[in-house]
Amino acid sequence: METRDIVFSLVMVMSAFALTYRWLNRWDVGDPVIVLSAMVLVGALALLLLSIEARLRRIEAQINAKERSL
């Protein structure tokens, strides 16, 4: 994982927090469970995307290794 991926993941989580917090405070009903669950959801999405990227890189490396061996 590159530093860029980690930074993008943190930006995603913080933006989800800010969006949820501002959205819930618009009606003066702040529920911390909703804010926390939105942060967890975006964090899980970021980790899912990063794991897919890592898996694709690993598959690409295996294909390149097979091509070199042929």
C-alpha atoms as a PDB file:
ATOM      1  CA  MET A   1       0.000   0.000   0.000  1.00  0.00           C
ATOM      2  CA  GLU A   2       1.281   3.387  -0.927  1.00  0.00           C
ATOM      3  CA  THR A   3       1.118   6.503   1.193  1.00  0.00           C
ATOM      4  CA  ARG A   4      -1.210   8.024  -1.375  1.00  0.00           C
ATOM      5  CA  ASP A   5      -3.756   5.226  -0.791  1.00  0.00           C
ATOM      6  CA  ILE A   6      -3.684   5.764   2.950  1.00  0.00           C
ATOM      7  CA  VAL A   7      -4.156   9.516   2.548  1.00  0.00           C
ATOM      8  CA  PHE A   8      -7.099   9.002   0.204  1.00  0.00           C
ATOM      9  CA  SER A   9      -8.673   6.563   2.683  1.00  0.00           C
ATOM     10  CA  LEU A  10      -8.329   9.074   5.510  1.00  0.00           C
ATOM     11  CA  VAL A  11      -9.852  11.794   3.340  1.00  0.00           C
ATOM     12  CA  MET A  12     -12.801   9.510   2.562  1.00  0.00           C
ATOM     13  CA  VAL A  13     -13.422   8.772   6.239  1.00  0.00           C
ATOM     14  CA  MET A  14     -13.115  12.403   7.308  1.00  0.00           C
ATOM     15  CA  SER A  15     -15.420  13.585   4.535  1.00  0.00           C
ATOM     16  CA  ALA A  16     -18.010  11.008   5.580  1.00  0.00           C
ATOM     17  CA  PHE A  17     -17.748  12.282   9.143  1.00  0.00           C
ATOM     18  CA  ALA A  18     -18.151  15.916   8.097  1.00  0.00           C
ATOM     19  CA  LEU A  19     -21.027  15.174   5.753  1.00  0.00           C
ATOM     20  CA  THR A  20     -22.920  13.105   8.294  1.00  0.00           C
ATOM     21  CA  TYR A  21     -22.281  15.534  11.116  1.00  0.00           C
ATOM     22  CA  ARG A  22     -23.472  18.560   9.116  1.00  0.00           C
ATOM     23  CA  TRP A  23     -26.435  16.650   7.715  1.00  0.00           C
ATOM     24  CA  LEU A  24     -27.639  15.554  11.146  1.00  0.00           C
ATOM     25  CA  ASN A  25     -27.102  18.953  12.747  1.00  0.00           C
ATOM     26  CA  ARG A  26     -29.254  20.583  10.113  1.00  0.00           C
ATOM     27  CA  TRP A  27     -32.299  19.425  12.077  1.00  0.00           C
ATOM     28  CA  ASP A  28     -30.571  19.728  15.476  1.00  0.00           C
ATOM     29  CA  VAL A  29     -30.727  15.984  16.001  1.00  0.00           C
ATOM     30  CA  GLY A  30     -27.176  14.752  16.495  1.00  0.00           C
ATOM     31  CA  ASP A  31     -26.983  10.975  16.796  1.00  0.00           C
ATOM     32  CA  PRO A  32     -23.395   9.822  17.295  1.00  0.00           C
ATOM     33  CA  VAL A  33     -24.275   6.245  16.292  1.00  0.00           C
ATOM     34  CA  ILE A  34     -25.195   7.411  12.788  1.00  0.00           C
ATOM     35  CA  VAL A  35     -21.996   9.419  12.478  1.00  0.00           C
ATOM     36  CA  LEU A  36     -19.882   6.487  13.666  1.00  0.00           C
ATOM     37  CA  SER A  37     -21.632   4.013  11.391  1.00  0.00           C
ATOM     38  CA  ALA A  38     -21.107   6.299   8.383  1.00  0.00           C
ATOM     39  CA  MET A  39     -17.398   6.529   9.202  1.00  0.00           C
ATOM     40  CA  VAL A  40     -17.145   2.747   9.544  1.00  0.00           C
ATOM     41  CA  LEU A  41     -19.005   2.263   6.272  1.00  0.00           C
ATOM     42  CA  VAL A  42     -16.701   4.577   4.327  1.00  0.00           C
ATOM     43  CA  GLY A  43     -13.641   3.089   6.022  1.00  0.00           C
ATOM     44  CA  ALA A  44     -14.740  -0.405   5.031  1.00  0.00           C
ATOM     45  CA  LEU A  45     -15.331   0.787   1.475  1.00  0.00           C
ATOM     46  CA  ALA A  46     -11.850   2.311   1.347  1.00  0.00           C
ATOM     47  CA  LEU A  47     -10.273  -0.900   2.644  1.00  0.00           C
ATOM     48  CA  LEU A  48     -12.252  -2.939   0.135  1.00  0.00           C
ATOM     49  CA  LEU A  49     -11.005  -0.807  -2.752  1.00  0.00           C
ATOM     50  CA  LEU A  50      -7.435  -0.996  -1.481  1.00  0.00           C
ATOM     51  CA  SER A  51      -7.588  -4.785  -1.124  1.00  0.00           C
ATOM     52  CA  ILE A  52      -8.965  -5.115  -4.666  1.00  0.00           C
ATOM     53  CA  GLU A  53      -6.112  -2.965  -5.962  1.00  0.00           C
ATOM     54  CA  ALA A  54      -3.542  -5.072  -4.110  1.00  0.00           C
ATOM     55  CA  ARG A  55      -5.065  -8.277  -5.458  1.00  0.00           C
ATOM     56  CA  LEU A  56      -4.984  -6.936  -9.028  1.00  0.00           C
ATOM     57  CA  ARG A  57      -1.332  -5.956  -8.639  1.00  0.00           C
ATOM     58  CA  ARG A  58      -0.498  -9.428  -7.353  1.00  0.00           C
ATOM     59  CA  ILE A  59      -2.299 -11.073 -10.300  1.00  0.00           C
ATOM     60  CA  GLU A  60      -0.529  -8.738 -12.716  1.00  0.00           C
ATOM     61  CA  ALA A  61       2.843  -9.668 -11.203  1.00  0.00           C
ATOM     62  CA  GLN A  62       2.048 -13.372 -11.558  1.00  0.00           C
ATOM     63  CA  ILE A  63       1.068 -12.913 -15.201  1.00  0.00           C
ATOM     64  CA  ASN A  64       4.265 -10.982 -15.890  1.00  0.00           C
ATOM     65  CA  ALA A  65       6.306 -13.734 -14.223  1.00  0.00           C
ATOM     66  CA  LYS A  66       4.638 -16.381 -16.409  1.00  0.00           C
ATOM     67  CA  GLU A  67       5.273 -14.329 -19.533  1.00  0.00           C
ATOM     68  CA  ARG A  68       8.953 -14.013 -18.662  1.00  0.00           C
ATOM     69  CA  SER A  69       9.268 -17.732 -18.056  1.00  0.00           C
ATOM     70  CA  LEU A  70       7.822 -18.530 -21.466  1.00  0.00           C
END
